């Protein structure tokens, strides 16, 4: 019987597993023109995938829209780069680990949208 109590006390005294380390990512990382860069630094695969899933199609759409507007190749390249930069930076801001969280709360007269921005 004593061995059972010793075994149970050793099991109960076992420390809890350590939590995953939190990686601090600088807010400036969201301005690097690579889709998902802040998520990559924080090892957030969900944010990385979402950034690529938003930035690539929106850049392609921007290029398709800019093609008829541009009168020469230099304008098309410039407009394409601007579209890439805007869509990449927007995706990085939206899907960064410290991105604002949008909640929609129903109330009596309709709905209320609440944006929560985590402070460091």
PDB file of N, CA and C in Angstrom:
ATOM      1  N   UNK A   1       0.823  -1.190   0.000  1.00  0.00           N
ATOM      2  CA  UNK A   1       0.000   0.000   0.000  1.00  0.00           C
ATOM      3  C   UNK A   1       0.870   1.258   0.000  1.00  0.00           C
ATOM      4  N   UNK A   2       2.014   1.190   0.675  1.00  0.00           N
ATOM      5  CA  UNK A   2       2.906   2.348   0.743  1.00  0.00           C
ATOM      6  C   UNK A   2       3.445   2.699  -0.641  1.00  0.00           C
ATOM      7  N   UNK A   3       3.749   1.692  -1.427  1.00  0.00           N
ATOM      8  CA  UNK A   3       4.274   1.956  -2.770  1.00  0.00           C
ATOM      9  C   UNK A   3       3.249   2.680  -3.628  1.00  0.00           C
ATOM     10  N   UNK A   4       1.954   2.393  -3.427  1.00  0.00           N
ATOM     11  CA  UNK A   4       0.906   3.055  -4.192  1.00  0.00           C
ATOM     12  C   UNK A   4       0.826   4.535  -3.829  1.00  0.00           C
ATOM     13  N   UNK A   5       0.940   4.837  -2.540  1.00  0.00           N
ATOM     14  CA  UNK A   5       0.922   6.240  -2.115  1.00  0.00           C
ATOM     15  C   UNK A   5       2.139   6.989  -2.636  1.00  0.00           C
ATOM     16  N   UNK A   6       3.299   6.335  -2.634  1.00  0.00           N
ATOM     17  CA  UNK A   6       4.507   6.977  -3.165  1.00  0.00           C
ATOM     18  C   UNK A   6       4.365   7.239  -4.662  1.00  0.00           C
ATOM     19  N   UNK A   7       3.810   6.294  -5.371  1.00  0.00           N
ATOM     20  CA  UNK A   7       3.640   6.457  -6.814  1.00  0.00           C
ATOM     21  C   UNK A   7       2.653   7.576  -7.120  1.00  0.00           C
ATOM     22  N   UNK A   8       1.562   7.622  -6.377  1.00  0.00           N
ATOM     23  CA  UNK A   8       0.574   8.678  -6.594  1.00  0.00           C
ATOM     24  C   UNK A   8       1.128  10.050  -6.227  1.00  0.00           C
ATOM     25  N   UNK A   9       1.900  10.136  -5.166  1.00  0.00           N
ATOM     26  CA  UNK A   9       2.462  11.430  -4.779  1.00  0.00           C
ATOM     27  C   UNK A   9       3.503  11.895  -5.792  1.00  0.00           C
ATOM     28  N   UNK A  10       4.256  10.969  -6.360  1.00  0.00           N
ATOM     29  CA  UNK A  10       5.228  11.343  -7.388  1.00  0.00           C
ATOM     30  C   UNK A  10       4.516  11.812  -8.654  1.00  0.00           C
ATOM     31  N   UNK A  11       3.394  11.173  -8.970  1.00  0.00           N
ATOM     32  CA  UNK A  11       2.626  11.555 -10.152  1.00  0.00           C
ATOM     33  C   UNK A  11       2.006  12.939  -9.962  1.00  0.00           C
ATOM     34  N   UNK A  12       1.499  13.211  -8.765  1.00  0.00           N
ATOM     35  CA  UNK A  12       0.856  14.493  -8.488  1.00  0.00           C
ATOM     36  C   UNK A  12       1.875  15.620  -8.422  1.00  0.00           C
ATOM     37  N   UNK A  13       3.116  15.314  -8.042  1.00  0.00           N
ATOM     38  CA  UNK A  13       4.132  16.353  -7.899  1.00  0.00           C
ATOM     39  C   UNK A  13       4.818  16.667  -9.222  1.00  0.00           C
ATOM     40  N   UNK A  14       4.446  15.969 -10.291  1.00  0.00           N
ATOM     41  CA  UNK A  14       5.076  16.209 -11.589  1.00  0.00           C
ATOM     42  C   UNK A  14       4.698  17.599 -12.097  1.00  0.00           C
ATOM     43  N   UNK A  15       5.672  18.377 -12.544  1.00  0.00           N
ATOM     44  CA  UNK A  15       5.356  19.739 -13.004  1.00  0.00           C
ATOM     45  C   UNK A  15       4.525  19.713 -14.289  1.00  0.00           C
ATOM     46  N   UNK A  16       3.735  20.742 -14.452  1.00  0.00           N
ATOM     47  CA  UNK A  16       2.907  20.864 -15.655  1.00  0.00           C
ATOM     48  C   UNK A  16       3.804  21.136 -16.856  1.00  0.00           C
ATOM     49  N   UNK A  17       3.402  20.706 -18.032  1.00  0.00           N
ATOM     50  CA  UNK A  17       4.224  20.979 -19.214  1.00  0.00           C
ATOM     51  C   UNK A  17       4.308  22.478 -19.482  1.00  0.00           C
ATOM     52  N   UNK A  18       5.442  22.901 -19.967  1.00  0.00           N
ATOM     53  CA  UNK A  18       5.664  24.323 -20.227  1.00  0.00           C
ATOM     54  C   UNK A  18       4.814  24.781 -21.411  1.00  0.00           C
ATOM     55  N   UNK A  19       4.310  25.986 -21.313  1.00  0.00           N
ATOM     56  CA  UNK A  19       3.519  26.552 -22.403  1.00  0.00           C
ATOM     57  C   UNK A  19       4.434  26.894 -23.571  1.00  0.00           C
ATOM     58  N   UNK A  20       3.843  26.980 -24.749  1.00  0.00           N
ATOM     59  CA  UNK A  20       4.623  27.335 -25.933  1.00  0.00           C
ATOM     60  C   UNK A  20       5.165  28.756 -25.769  1.00  0.00           C
ATOM     61  N   UNK A  21       6.417  28.991 -26.141  1.00  0.00           N
ATOM     62  CA  UNK A  21       6.975  30.333 -25.979  1.00  0.00           C
ATOM     63  C   UNK A  21       6.283  31.334 -26.902  1.00  0.00           C
ATOM     64  N   UNK A  22       6.059  32.511 -26.368  1.00  0.00           N
ATOM     65  CA  UNK A  22       5.434  33.575 -27.142  1.00  0.00           C
ATOM     66  C   UNK A  22       6.544  34.368 -27.826  1.00  0.00           C
ATOM     67  N   UNK A  23       6.453  34.492 -29.134  1.00  0.00           N
ATOM     68  CA  UNK A  23       7.459  35.200 -29.900  1.00  0.00           C
ATOM     69  C   UNK A  23       6.973  36.630 -30.111  1.00  0.00           C
ATOM     70  N   UNK A  24       7.750  37.582 -29.657  1.00  0.00           N
ATOM     71  CA  UNK A  24       7.401  38.987 -29.847  1.00  0.00           C
ATOM     72  C   UNK A  24       7.821  39.413 -31.254  1.00  0.00           C
ATOM     73  N   UNK A  25       6.888  39.960 -31.991  1.00  0.00           N
ATOM     74  CA  UNK A  25       7.148  40.420 -33.344  1.00  0.00           C
ATOM     75  C   UNK A  25       6.984  41.935 -33.356  1.00  0.00           C
ATOM     76  N   UNK A  26       7.956  42.615 -33.918  1.00  0.00           N
ATOM     77  CA  UNK A  26       7.901  44.069 -33.997  1.00  0.00           C
ATOM     78  C   UNK A  26       6.766  44.494 -34.925  1.00  0.00           C
ATOM     79  N   UNK A  27       6.032  45.549 -34.574  1.00  0.00           N
ATOM     80  CA  UNK A  27       4.986  46.033 -35.477  1.00  0.00           C
ATOM     81  C   UNK A  27       5.535  46.474 -36.835  1.00  0.00           C
ATOM     82  N   UNK A  28       6.823  46.808 -36.885  1.00  0.00           N
ATOM     83  CA  UNK A  28       7.433  47.216 -38.156  1.00  0.00           C
ATOM     84  C   UNK A  28       7.551  46.050 -39.131  1.00  0.00           C
ATOM     85  N   UNK A  29       7.472  44.817 -38.638  1.00  0.00           N
ATOM     86  CA  UNK A  29       7.575  43.652 -39.520  1.00  0.00           C
ATOM     87  C   UNK A  29       6.411  43.581 -40.495  1.00  0.00           C
ATOM     88  N   UNK A  30       5.298  44.212 -40.174  1.00  0.00           N
ATOM     89  CA  UNK A  30       4.141  44.206 -41.075  1.00  0.00           C
ATOM     90  C   UNK A  30       4.386  45.060 -42.316  1.00  0.00           C
ATOM     91  N   UNK A  31       5.420  45.874 -42.315  1.00  0.00           N
ATOM     92  CA  UNK A  31       5.710  46.732 -43.468  1.00  0.00           C
ATOM     93  C   UNK A  31       6.762  46.137 -44.391  1.00  0.00           C
ATOM     94  N   UNK A  32       7.210  44.923 -44.131  1.00  0.00           N
ATOM     95  CA  UNK A  32       8.127  44.229 -45.043  1.00  0.00           C
ATOM     96  C   UNK A  32       7.296  43.714 -46.210  1.00  0.00           C
ATOM     97  N   UNK A  33       7.686  44.003 -47.454  1.00  0.00           N
ATOM     98  CA  UNK A  33       6.841  43.632 -48.592  1.00  0.00           C
ATOM     99  C   UNK A  33       6.938  42.149 -48.972  1.00  0.00           C
ATOM    100  N   UNK A  34       6.694  41.277 -48.018  1.00  0.00           N
ATOM    101  CA  UNK A  34       6.637  39.843 -48.245  1.00  0.00           C
ATOM    102  C   UNK A  34       5.376  39.347 -47.555  1.00  0.00           C
ATOM    103  N   UNK A  35       4.450  38.743 -48.288  1.00  0.00           N
ATOM    104  CA  UNK A  35       3.189  38.333 -47.658  1.00  0.00           C
ATOM    105  C   UNK A  35       3.424  37.378 -46.491  1.00  0.00           C
ATOM    106  N   UNK A  36       2.847  37.713 -45.345  1.00  0.00           N
ATOM    107  CA  UNK A  36       2.928  36.851 -44.177  1.00  0.00           C
ATOM    108  C   UNK A  36       4.218  36.930 -43.390  1.00  0.00           C
ATOM    109  N   UNK A  37       5.037  37.936 -43.621  1.00  0.00           N
ATOM    110  CA  UNK A  37       6.324  38.024 -42.929  1.00  0.00           C
ATOM    111  C   UNK A  37       6.179  38.091 -41.405  1.00  0.00           C
ATOM    112  N   UNK A  38       5.275  38.921 -40.843  1.00  0.00           N
ATOM    113  CA  UNK A  38       5.148  38.923 -39.385  1.00  0.00           C
ATOM    114  C   UNK A  38       4.642  37.586 -38.843  1.00  0.00           C
ATOM    115  N   UNK A  39       3.767  36.932 -39.585  1.00  0.00           N
ATOM    116  CA  UNK A  39       3.276  35.623 -39.155  1.00  0.00           C
ATOM    117  C   UNK A  39       4.378  34.579 -39.234  1.00  0.00           C
ATOM    118  N   UNK A  40       5.240  34.702 -40.213  1.00  0.00           N
ATOM    119  CA  UNK A  40       6.365  33.784 -40.343  1.00  0.00           C
ATOM    120  C   UNK A  40       7.322  33.935 -39.161  1.00  0.00           C
ATOM    121  N   UNK A  41       7.560  35.175 -38.746  1.00  0.00           N
ATOM    122  CA  UNK A  41       8.426  35.410 -37.589  1.00  0.00           C
ATOM    123  C   UNK A  41       7.825  34.836 -36.315  1.00  0.00           C
ATOM    124  N   UNK A  42       6.498  34.894 -36.203  1.00  0.00           N
ATOM    125  CA  UNK A  42       5.819  34.393 -35.007  1.00  0.00           C
ATOM    126  C   UNK A  42       5.462  32.914 -35.119  1.00  0.00           C
ATOM    127  N   UNK A  43       5.854  32.287 -36.212  1.00  0.00           N
ATOM    128  CA  UNK A  43       5.557  30.868 -36.465  1.00  0.00           C
ATOM    129  C   UNK A  43       4.053  30.600 -36.461  1.00  0.00           C
ATOM    130  N   UNK A  44       3.303  31.531 -37.036  1.00  0.00           N
ATOM    131  CA  UNK A  44       1.848  31.422 -37.135  1.00  0.00           C
ATOM    132  C   UNK A  44       1.507  31.003 -38.564  1.00  0.00           C
ATOM    133  N   UNK A  45       1.330  29.717 -38.781  1.00  0.00           N
ATOM    134  CA  UNK A  45       1.087  29.215 -40.131  1.00  0.00           C
ATOM    135  C   UNK A  45      -0.276  29.637 -40.675  1.00  0.00           C
ATOM    136  N   UNK A  46      -1.254  29.806 -39.798  1.00  0.00           N
ATOM    137  CA  UNK A  46      -2.573  30.262 -40.232  1.00  0.00           C
ATOM    138  C   UNK A  46      -2.486  31.662 -40.841  1.00  0.00           C
ATOM    139  N   UNK A  47      -1.816  32.569 -40.145  1.00  0.00           N
ATOM    140  CA  UNK A  47      -1.665  33.928 -40.653  1.00  0.00           C
ATOM    141  C   UNK A  47      -0.827  33.978 -41.920  1.00  0.00           C
ATOM    142  N   UNK A  48       0.192  33.124 -41.993  1.00  0.00           N
ATOM    143  CA  UNK A  48       1.031  33.057 -43.189  1.00  0.00           C
ATOM    144  C   UNK A  48       0.212  32.613 -44.394  1.00  0.00           C
ATOM    145  N   UNK A  49      -0.562  31.559 -44.223  1.00  0.00           N
ATOM    146  CA  UNK A  49      -1.388  31.062 -45.322  1.00  0.00           C
ATOM    147  C   UNK A  49      -2.455  32.057 -45.736  1.00  0.00           C
ATOM    148  N   UNK A  50      -3.090  32.706 -44.767  1.00  0.00           N
ATOM    149  CA  UNK A  50      -4.112  33.696 -45.097  1.00  0.00           C
ATOM    150  C   UNK A  50      -3.515  34.902 -45.814  1.00  0.00           C
ATOM    151  N   UNK A  51      -2.329  35.307 -45.406  1.00  0.00           N
ATOM    152  CA  UNK A  51      -1.681  36.442 -46.068  1.00  0.00           C
ATOM    153  C   UNK A  51      -1.399  36.126 -47.536  1.00  0.00           C
ATOM    154  N   UNK A  52      -0.864  34.928 -47.791  1.00  0.00           N
ATOM    155  CA  UNK A  52      -0.601  34.537 -49.180  1.00  0.00           C
ATOM    156  C   UNK A  52      -1.909  34.375 -49.954  1.00  0.00           C
ATOM    157  N   UNK A  53      -2.936  33.827 -49.303  1.00  0.00           N
ATOM    158  CA  UNK A  53      -4.216  33.613 -49.975  1.00  0.00           C
ATOM    159  C   UNK A  53      -4.915  34.921 -50.319  1.00  0.00           C
ATOM    160  N   UNK A  54      -4.590  35.990 -49.626  1.00  0.00           N
ATOM    161  CA  UNK A  54      -5.177  37.296 -49.936  1.00  0.00           C
ATOM    162  C   UNK A  54      -4.276  38.089 -50.880  1.00  0.00           C
ATOM    163  N   UNK A  55      -2.982  38.102 -50.636  1.00  0.00           N
ATOM    164  CA  UNK A  55      -2.063  38.958 -51.392  1.00  0.00           C
ATOM    165  C   UNK A  55      -1.897  38.513 -52.842  1.00  0.00           C
ATOM    166  N   UNK A  56      -1.772  37.224 -53.090  1.00  0.00           N
ATOM    167  CA  UNK A  56      -1.507  36.753 -54.457  1.00  0.00           C
ATOM    168  C   UNK A  56      -2.702  36.994 -55.386  1.00  0.00           C
ATOM    169  N   UNK A  57      -3.933  36.573 -55.042  1.00  0.00           N
ATOM    170  CA  UNK A  57      -5.044  36.836 -55.950  1.00  0.00           C
ATOM    171  C   UNK A  57      -5.362  38.323 -56.109  1.00  0.00           C
ATOM    172  N   UNK A  58      -5.211  39.096 -55.025  1.00  0.00           N
ATOM    173  CA  UNK A  58      -5.509  40.521 -55.158  1.00  0.00           C
ATOM    174  C   UNK A  58      -4.461  41.224 -56.016  1.00  0.00           C
ATOM    175  N   UNK A  59      -3.210  40.776 -55.957  1.00  0.00           N
ATOM    176  CA  UNK A  59      -2.185  41.338 -56.846  1.00  0.00           C
ATOM    177  C   UNK A  59      -2.489  40.980 -58.292  1.00  0.00           C
ATOM    178  N   UNK A  60      -2.877  39.745 -58.543  1.00  0.00           N
ATOM    179  CA  UNK A  60      -3.224  39.331 -59.903  1.00  0.00           C
ATOM    180  C   UNK A  60      -4.424  40.126 -60.426  1.00  0.00           C
ATOM    181  N   UNK A  61      -5.413  40.343 -59.574  1.00  0.00           N
ATOM    182  CA  UNK A  61      -6.572  41.138 -59.984  1.00  0.00           C
ATOM    183  C   UNK A  61      -6.173  42.580 -60.269  1.00  0.00           C
ATOM    184  N   UNK A  62      -5.287  43.120 -59.468  1.00  0.00           N
ATOM    185  CA  UNK A  62      -4.837  44.498 -59.683  1.00  0.00           C
ATOM    186  C   UNK A  62      -4.094  44.623 -61.016  1.00  0.00           C
ATOM    187  N   UNK A  63      -3.278  43.620 -61.330  1.00  0.00           N
ATOM    188  CA  UNK A  63      -2.548  43.643 -62.604  1.00  0.00           C
ATOM    189  C   UNK A  63      -3.523  43.554 -63.776  1.00  0.00           C
ATOM    190  N   UNK A  64      -4.520  42.701 -63.664  1.00  0.00           N
ATOM    191  CA  UNK A  64      -5.517  42.581 -64.741  1.00  0.00           C
ATOM    192  C   UNK A  64      -6.310  43.868 -64.929  1.00  0.00           C
ATOM    193  N   UNK A  65      -6.590  44.558 -63.848  1.00  0.00           N
ATOM    194  CA  UNK A  65      -7.303  45.835 -63.947  1.00  0.00           C
ATOM    195  C   UNK A  65      -6.385  46.928 -64.475  1.00  0.00           C
ATOM    196  N   UNK A  66      -5.097  46.880 -64.127  1.00  0.00           N
ATOM    197  CA  UNK A  66      -4.160  47.930 -64.542  1.00  0.00           C
ATOM    198  C   UNK A  66      -3.745  47.793 -66.000  1.00  0.00           C
ATOM    199  N   UNK A  67      -3.854  46.610 -66.572  1.00  0.00           N
ATOM    200  CA  UNK A  67      -3.398  46.395 -67.947  1.00  0.00           C
ATOM    201  C   UNK A  67      -4.089  47.318 -68.957  1.00  0.00           C
ATOM    202  N   UNK A  68      -5.416  47.439 -68.959  1.00  0.00           N
ATOM    203  CA  UNK A  68      -6.024  48.352 -69.936  1.00  0.00           C
ATOM    204  C   UNK A  68      -5.762  49.830 -69.645  1.00  0.00           C
ATOM    205  N   UNK A  69      -5.453  50.153 -68.409  1.00  0.00           N
ATOM    206  CA  UNK A  69      -5.261  51.555 -68.027  1.00  0.00           C
ATOM    207  C   UNK A  69      -3.874  52.050 -68.413  1.00  0.00           C
ATOM    208  N   UNK A  70      -2.882  51.188 -68.346  1.00  0.00           N
ATOM    209  CA  UNK A  70      -1.498  51.597 -68.622  1.00  0.00           C
ATOM    210  C   UNK A  70      -1.301  51.806 -70.116  1.00  0.00           C
ATOM    211  N   UNK A  71      -0.602  52.881 -70.449  1.00  0.00           N
ATOM    212  CA  UNK A  71      -0.370  53.172 -71.868  1.00  0.00           C
ATOM    213  C   UNK A  71       0.959  52.614 -72.364  1.00  0.00           C
ATOM    214  N   UNK A  72       1.869  52.270 -71.456  1.00  0.00           N
ATOM    215  CA  UNK A  72       3.130  51.642 -71.873  1.00  0.00           C
ATOM    216  C   UNK A  72       3.575  50.645 -70.797  1.00  0.00           C
ATOM    217  N   UNK A  73       4.656  49.954 -71.072  1.00  0.00           N
ATOM    218  CA  UNK A  73       5.124  48.900 -70.180  1.00  0.00           C
ATOM    219  C   UNK A  73       5.575  49.449 -68.833  1.00  0.00           C
ATOM    220  N   UNK A  74       6.207  50.610 -68.835  1.00  0.00           N
ATOM    221  CA  UNK A  74       6.695  51.192 -67.586  1.00  0.00           C
ATOM    222  C   UNK A  74       5.538  51.506 -66.641  1.00  0.00           C
ATOM    223  N   UNK A  75       4.453  52.026 -67.169  1.00  0.00           N
ATOM    224  CA  UNK A  75       3.288  52.305 -66.326  1.00  0.00           C
ATOM    225  C   UNK A  75       2.668  51.010 -65.795  1.00  0.00           C
ATOM    226  N   UNK A  76       2.626  49.974 -66.638  1.00  0.00           N
ATOM    227  CA  UNK A  76       2.065  48.697 -66.199  1.00  0.00           C
ATOM    228  C   UNK A  76       2.905  48.097 -65.073  1.00  0.00           C
ATOM    229  N   UNK A  77       4.222  48.153 -65.204  1.00  0.00           N
ATOM    230  CA  UNK A  77       5.100  47.621 -64.153  1.00  0.00           C
ATOM    231  C   UNK A  77       4.936  48.426 -62.871  1.00  0.00           C
ATOM    232  N   UNK A  78       4.846  49.736 -62.982  1.00  0.00           N
ATOM    233  CA  UNK A  78       4.685  50.586 -61.797  1.00  0.00           C
ATOM    234  C   UNK A  78       3.352  50.310 -61.106  1.00  0.00           C
ATOM    235  N   UNK A  79       2.277  50.255 -61.884  1.00  0.00           N
ATOM    236  CA  UNK A  79       0.970  49.986 -61.296  1.00  0.00           C
ATOM    237  C   UNK A  79       0.910  48.580 -60.694  1.00  0.00           C
ATOM    238  N   UNK A  80       1.568  47.630 -61.333  1.00  0.00           N
ATOM    239  CA  UNK A  80       1.600  46.262 -60.796  1.00  0.00           C
ATOM    240  C   UNK A  80       2.352  46.215 -59.477  1.00  0.00           C
ATOM    241  N   UNK A  81       3.468  46.923 -59.396  1.00  0.00           N
ATOM    242  CA  UNK A  81       4.231  46.953 -58.156  1.00  0.00           C
ATOM    243  C   UNK A  81       3.439  47.637 -57.045  1.00  0.00           C
ATOM    244  N   UNK A  82       2.741  48.709 -57.375  1.00  0.00           N
ATOM    245  CA  UNK A  82       1.927  49.401 -56.371  1.00  0.00           C
ATOM    246  C   UNK A  82       0.818  48.467 -55.876  1.00  0.00           C
ATOM    247  N   UNK A  83       0.189  47.730 -56.782  1.00  0.00           N
ATOM    248  CA  UNK A  83      -0.840  46.774 -56.377  1.00  0.00           C
ATOM    249  C   UNK A  83      -0.286  45.687 -55.483  1.00  0.00           C
ATOM    250  N   UNK A  84       0.903  45.187 -55.825  1.00  0.00           N
ATOM    251  CA  UNK A  84       1.556  44.175 -54.993  1.00  0.00           C
ATOM    252  C   UNK A  84       1.857  44.730 -53.608  1.00  0.00           C
ATOM    253  N   UNK A  85       2.419  45.930 -53.559  1.00  0.00           N
ATOM    254  CA  UNK A  85       2.787  46.518 -52.265  1.00  0.00           C
ATOM    255  C   UNK A  85       1.559  46.770 -51.399  1.00  0.00           C
ATOM    256  N   UNK A  86       0.515  47.296 -51.990  1.00  0.00           N
ATOM    257  CA  UNK A  86      -0.697  47.597 -51.218  1.00  0.00           C
ATOM    258  C   UNK A  86      -1.348  46.316 -50.709  1.00  0.00           C
ATOM    259  N   UNK A  87      -1.487  45.321 -51.570  1.00  0.00           N
ATOM    260  CA  UNK A  87      -2.149  44.084 -51.131  1.00  0.00           C
ATOM    261  C   UNK A  87      -1.299  43.333 -50.109  1.00  0.00           C
ATOM    262  N   UNK A  88       0.015  43.344 -50.270  1.00  0.00           N
ATOM    263  CA  UNK A  88       0.890  42.660 -49.308  1.00  0.00           C
ATOM    264  C   UNK A  88       0.870  43.353 -47.954  1.00  0.00           C
ATOM    265  N   UNK A  89       0.982  44.664 -47.947  1.00  0.00           N
ATOM    266  CA  UNK A  89       0.977  45.388 -46.674  1.00  0.00           C
ATOM    267  C   UNK A  89      -0.378  45.287 -45.987  1.00  0.00           C
ATOM    268  N   UNK A  90      -1.461  45.306 -46.763  1.00  0.00           N
ATOM    269  CA  UNK A  90      -2.789  45.150 -46.165  1.00  0.00           C
ATOM    270  C   UNK A  90      -2.946  43.753 -45.564  1.00  0.00           C
ATOM    271  N   UNK A  91      -2.488  42.731 -46.273  1.00  0.00           N
ATOM    272  CA  UNK A  91      -2.579  41.365 -45.747  1.00  0.00           C
ATOM    273  C   UNK A  91      -1.716  41.211 -44.502  1.00  0.00           C
ATOM    274  N   UNK A  92      -0.534  41.808 -44.510  1.00  0.00           N
ATOM    275  CA  UNK A  92       0.331  41.723 -43.329  1.00  0.00           C
ATOM    276  C   UNK A  92      -0.296  42.429 -42.129  1.00  0.00           C
ATOM    277  N   UNK A  93      -0.953  43.545 -42.366  1.00  0.00           N
ATOM    278  CA  UNK A  93      -1.602  44.258 -41.266  1.00  0.00           C
ATOM    279  C   UNK A  93      -2.809  43.472 -40.742  1.00  0.00           C
ATOM    280  N   UNK A  94      -3.556  42.843 -41.643  1.00  0.00           N
ATOM    281  CA  UNK A  94      -4.756  42.119 -41.226  1.00  0.00           C
ATOM    282  C   UNK A  94      -4.450  40.816 -40.501  1.00  0.00           C
ATOM    283  N   UNK A  95      -3.453  40.083 -40.966  1.00  0.00           N
ATOM    284  CA  UNK A  95      -3.218  38.744 -40.450  1.00  0.00           C
ATOM    285  C   UNK A  95      -1.964  38.633 -39.590  1.00  0.00           C
ATOM    286  N   UNK A  96      -1.420  39.753 -39.154  1.00  0.00           N
ATOM    287  CA  UNK A  96      -0.272  39.721 -38.239  1.00  0.00           C
ATOM    288  C   UNK A  96      -0.730  39.178 -36.892  1.00  0.00           C
ATOM    289  N   UNK A  97       0.186  38.611 -36.107  1.00  0.00           N
ATOM    290  CA  UNK A  97      -0.214  38.078 -34.802  1.00  0.00           C
ATOM    291  C   UNK A  97      -0.826  39.121 -33.870  1.00  0.00           C
ATOM    292  N   UNK A  98      -0.493  40.383 -34.056  1.00  0.00           N
ATOM    293  CA  UNK A  98      -1.062  41.432 -33.201  1.00  0.00           C
ATOM    294  C   UNK A  98      -2.127  42.224 -33.938  1.00  0.00           C
ATOM    295  N   UNK A  99      -2.791  41.599 -34.909  1.00  0.00           N
ATOM    296  CA  UNK A  99      -3.809  42.287 -35.701  1.00  0.00           C
ATOM    297  C   UNK A  99      -5.055  42.557 -34.855  1.00  0.00           C
ATOM    298  N   UNK A 100      -5.795  43.581 -35.214  1.00  0.00           N
ATOM    299  CA  UNK A 100      -7.030  43.848 -34.480  1.00  0.00           C
ATOM    300  C   UNK A 100      -8.048  42.730 -34.690  1.00  0.00           C
ATOM    301  N   UNK A 101      -8.841  42.491 -33.664  1.00  0.00           N
ATOM    302  CA  UNK A 101      -9.876  41.467 -33.726  1.00  0.00           C
ATOM    303  C   UNK A 101     -11.214  42.174 -33.876  1.00  0.00           C
ATOM    304  N   UNK A 102     -11.982  41.791 -34.880  1.00  0.00           N
ATOM    305  CA  UNK A 102     -13.283  42.407 -35.132  1.00  0.00           C
ATOM    306  C   UNK A 102     -14.375  41.483 -34.635  1.00  0.00           C
ATOM    307  N   UNK A 103     -15.224  41.997 -33.773  1.00  0.00           N
ATOM    308  CA  UNK A 103     -16.354  41.232 -33.250  1.00  0.00           C
ATOM    309  C   UNK A 103     -17.638  41.933 -33.656  1.00  0.00           C
ATOM    310  N   UNK A 104     -18.626  41.162 -34.055  1.00  0.00           N
ATOM    311  CA  UNK A 104     -19.929  41.721 -34.415  1.00  0.00           C
ATOM    312  C   UNK A 104     -20.927  41.243 -33.371  1.00  0.00           C
ATOM    313  N   UNK A 105     -21.538  42.200 -32.676  1.00  0.00           N
ATOM    314  CA  UNK A 105     -22.438  41.895 -31.568  1.00  0.00           C
ATOM    315  C   UNK A 105     -23.840  42.360 -31.923  1.00  0.00           C
ATOM    316  N   UNK A 106     -24.823  41.451 -31.927  1.00  0.00           N
ATOM    317  CA  UNK A 106     -26.202  41.894 -32.192  1.00  0.00           C
ATOM    318  C   UNK A 106     -26.766  42.645 -30.993  1.00  0.00           C
ATOM    319  N   UNK A 107     -27.551  43.666 -31.271  1.00  0.00           N
ATOM    320  CA  UNK A 107     -28.228  44.397 -30.206  1.00  0.00           C
ATOM    321  C   UNK A 107     -29.669  44.663 -30.643  1.00  0.00           C
ATOM    322  N   UNK A 108     -30.411  45.484 -29.911  1.00  0.00           N
ATOM    323  CA  UNK A 108     -31.829  45.695 -30.192  1.00  0.00           C
ATOM    324  C   UNK A 108     -32.079  46.340 -31.554  1.00  0.00           C
ATOM    325  N   UNK A 109     -31.283  47.312 -31.924  1.00  0.00           N
ATOM    326  CA  UNK A 109     -31.523  48.045 -33.155  1.00  0.00           C
ATOM    327  C   UNK A 109     -30.769  47.519 -34.359  1.00  0.00           C
ATOM    328  N   UNK A 110     -29.988  46.477 -34.229  1.00  0.00           N
ATOM    329  CA  UNK A 110     -29.193  45.955 -35.344  1.00  0.00           C
ATOM    330  C   UNK A 110     -27.964  45.230 -34.823  1.00  0.00           C
ATOM    331  N   UNK A 111     -26.821  45.636 -35.330  1.00  0.00           N
ATOM    332  CA  UNK A 111     -25.573  45.016 -34.892  1.00  0.00           C
ATOM    333  C   UNK A 111     -24.557  46.101 -34.580  1.00  0.00           C
ATOM    334  N   UNK A 112     -23.595  45.750 -33.748  1.00  0.00           N
ATOM    335  CA  UNK A 112     -22.510  46.653 -33.405  1.00  0.00           C
ATOM    336  C   UNK A 112     -21.201  45.948 -33.706  1.00  0.00           C
ATOM    337  N   UNK A 113     -20.311  46.618 -34.432  1.00  0.00           N
ATOM    338  CA  UNK A 113     -18.997  46.072 -34.723  1.00  0.00           C
ATOM    339  C   UNK A 113     -17.992  46.662 -33.733  1.00  0.00           C
ATOM    340  N   UNK A 114     -17.223  45.785 -33.104  1.00  0.00           N
ATOM    341  CA  UNK A 114     -16.249  46.201 -32.103  1.00  0.00           C
ATOM    342  C   UNK A 114     -14.882  45.715 -32.548  1.00  0.00           C
ATOM    343  N   UNK A 115     -13.923  46.633 -32.678  1.00  0.00           N
ATOM    344  CA  UNK A 115     -12.549  46.266 -33.038  1.00  0.00           C
ATOM    345  C   UNK A 115     -11.707  46.322 -31.773  1.00  0.00           C
ATOM    346  N   UNK A 116     -11.014  45.241 -31.489  1.00  0.00           N
ATOM    347  CA  UNK A 116     -10.150  45.152 -30.316  1.00  0.00           C
ATOM    348  C   UNK A 116      -8.723  45.055 -30.794  1.00  0.00           C
ATOM    349  N   UNK A 117      -7.885  45.982 -30.348  1.00  0.00           N
ATOM    350  CA  UNK A 117      -6.478  45.981 -30.741  1.00  0.00           C
ATOM    351  C   UNK A 117      -5.645  45.611 -29.521  1.00  0.00           C
ATOM    352  N   UNK A 118      -4.906  44.508 -29.588  1.00  0.00           N
ATOM    353  CA  UNK A 118      -4.090  44.135 -28.430  1.00  0.00           C
ATOM    354  C   UNK A 118      -2.922  45.107 -28.234  1.00  0.00           C
ATOM    355  N   UNK A 119      -2.732  45.532 -27.000  1.00  0.00           N
ATOM    356  CA  UNK A 119      -1.636  46.439 -26.671  1.00  0.00           C
ATOM    357  C   UNK A 119      -0.480  45.634 -26.140  1.00  0.00           C
ATOM    358  N   UNK A 120       0.715  46.096 -26.391  1.00  0.00           N
ATOM    359  CA  UNK A 120       1.905  45.388 -25.914  1.00  0.00           C
ATOM    360  C   UNK A 120       2.413  46.013 -24.654  1.00  0.00           C
TER     361      UNK A 120
END
